[in-house]
C-alpha atoms as a PDB file:
ATOM      1  CA  MET A   1       0.000   0.000   0.000  1.00  0.00           C
ATOM      2  CA  VAL A   2       2.809   2.443   0.842  1.00  0.00           C
ATOM      3  CA  ASN A   3       4.622   1.513  -2.377  1.00  0.00           C
ATOM      4  CA  ARG A   4       1.495   2.238  -4.387  1.00  0.00           C
ATOM      5  CA  PHE A   5       1.227   5.709  -2.809  1.00  0.00           C
ATOM      6  CA  ILE A   6       4.914   6.418  -3.488  1.00  0.00           C
ATOM      7  CA  ASN A   7       4.446   5.324  -7.100  1.00  0.00           C
ATOM      8  CA  ARG A   8       1.466   7.688  -7.491  1.00  0.00           C
ATOM      9  CA  VAL A   9       3.487  10.585  -6.095  1.00  0.00           C
ATOM     10  CA  ASP A  10       6.393   9.717  -8.429  1.00  0.00           C
ATOM     11  CA  ASP A  11       4.033   9.485 -11.416  1.00  0.00           C
ATOM     12  CA  ASN A  12       2.526  12.907 -10.663  1.00  0.00           C
ATOM     13  CA  ILE A  13       5.945  14.487 -10.197  1.00  0.00           C
ATOM     14  CA  ASN A  14       7.070  13.023 -13.527  1.00  0.00           C
ATOM     15  CA  LEU A  15       3.990  14.504 -15.215  1.00  0.00           C
ATOM     16  CA  ILE A  16       4.767  17.878 -13.650  1.00  0.00           C
ATOM     17  CA  LEU A  17       8.389  17.688 -14.761  1.00  0.00           C
ATOM     18  CA  LYS A  18       7.259  17.077 -18.356  1.00  0.00           C
ATOM     19  CA  ASP A  19       4.798  19.992 -18.264  1.00  0.00           C
ATOM     20  CA  SER A  20       4.662  22.111 -15.107  1.00  0.00           C
ATOM     21  CA  LYS A  21       1.424  23.764 -16.244  1.00  0.00           C
ATOM     22  CA  ILE A  22      -0.506  20.504 -16.532  1.00  0.00           C
ATOM     23  CA  PHE A  23      -2.445  21.047 -13.289  1.00  0.00           C
ATOM     24  CA  PRO A  24      -4.653  24.032 -12.383  1.00  0.00           C
ATOM     25  CA  VAL A  25      -3.477  27.146 -10.562  1.00  0.00           C
ATOM     26  CA  ILE A  26      -5.241  27.518  -7.209  1.00  0.00           C
ATOM     27  CA  ASN A  27      -3.418  30.639  -6.010  1.00  0.00           C
ATOM     28  CA  GLU A  28      -2.691  33.246  -8.683  1.00  0.00           C
ATOM     29  CA  ASP A  29      -0.526  35.479  -6.476  1.00  0.00           C
ATOM     30  CA  LEU A  30       1.837  32.693  -5.427  1.00  0.00           C
ATOM     31  CA  GLN A  31       1.404  30.670  -8.669  1.00  0.00           C
ATOM     32  CA  ILE A  32       0.618  27.504  -6.689  1.00  0.00           C
ATOM     33  CA  ARG A  33      -0.841  24.564  -8.574  1.00  0.00           C
ATOM     34  CA  LYS A  34      -2.805  21.572  -7.279  1.00  0.00           C
ATOM     35  CA  SER A  35      -2.241  17.942  -8.271  1.00  0.00           C
ATOM     36  CA  VAL A  36      -4.572  15.326  -6.778  1.00  0.00           C
ATOM     37  CA  ILE A  37      -2.630  12.177  -5.845  1.00  0.00           C
ATOM     38  CA  SER A  38      -5.593  10.264  -4.379  1.00  0.00           C
ATOM     39  CA  LYS A  39      -8.938  11.142  -2.846  1.00  0.00           C
ATOM     40  CA  HIS A  40      -7.148  11.894   0.431  1.00  0.00           C
ATOM     41  CA  ASN A  41      -3.849  13.408  -0.753  1.00  0.00           C
ATOM     42  CA  THR A  42      -3.041  16.482  -2.799  1.00  0.00           C
ATOM     43  CA  LEU A  43       0.318  17.822  -3.916  1.00  0.00           C
ATOM     44  CA  TYR A  44       0.753  21.607  -4.088  1.00  0.00           C
ATOM     45  CA  TYR A  45       3.654  22.948  -6.127  1.00  0.00           C
ATOM     46  CA  ARG A  46       4.956  25.826  -8.205  1.00  0.00           C
ATOM     47  CA  GLU A  47       7.707  26.480 -10.676  1.00  0.00           C
ATOM     48  CA  LYS A  48      10.143  29.048  -9.337  1.00  0.00           C
ATOM     49  CA  ALA A  49      13.336  30.181 -11.046  1.00  0.00           C
ATOM     50  CA  GLY A  50      13.117  27.253 -13.461  1.00  0.00           C
ATOM     51  CA  LYS A  51      12.878  24.679 -10.659  1.00  0.00           C
ATOM     52  CA  LEU A  52       9.996  22.647  -9.312  1.00  0.00           C
ATOM     53  CA  GLU A  53       9.151  23.627  -5.752  1.00  0.00           C
ATOM     54  CA  ILE A  54       6.896  21.265  -3.828  1.00  0.00           C
ATOM     55  CA  ILE A  55       4.982  23.394  -1.352  1.00  0.00           C
ATOM     56  CA  ARG A  56       2.989  20.779   0.483  1.00  0.00           C
ATOM     57  CA  LEU A  57       1.701  17.227   0.375  1.00  0.00           C
ATOM     58  CA  PHE A  58      -1.652  17.655   2.114  1.00  0.00           C
ATOM     59  CA  ASP A  59      -3.958  15.034   3.604  1.00  0.00           C
ATOM     60  CA  SER A  60      -7.428  16.308   2.746  1.00  0.00           C
ATOM     61  CA  ARG A  61      -8.955  14.566   5.775  1.00  0.00           C
ATOM     62  CA  GLN A  62      -7.499  17.399   7.866  1.00  0.00           C
ATOM     63  CA  ALA A  63      -9.399  20.594   8.530  1.00  0.00           C
ATOM     64  CA  PRO A  64      -9.114  22.823   5.419  1.00  0.00           C
ATOM     65  CA  ASN A  65      -7.999  25.789   7.547  1.00  0.00           C
ATOM     66  CA  LYS A  66      -4.722  23.924   8.176  1.00  0.00           C
ATOM     67  CA  LEU A  67      -3.847  24.376   4.504  1.00  0.00           C
ATOM     68  CA  LYS A  68      -1.827  27.582   4.434  1.00  0.00           C
ATOM     69  CA  PHE A  69       0.802  28.733   1.979  1.00  0.00           C
END
């Protein structure tokens, strides 16, 4: 089960590396994008200075007010 989750994260990161604009922007000011890994996990990232910056891997079962950038 853990290996499957790690593979999903790796797959999403590889997609992002191929095209960083593949997932929608959820914060225009900070240029943060949202990639859903599973129904309970979301990866937030942005491209900054030509590099991929992973902001947060968030468990959506938490209270939404805990998600701060």
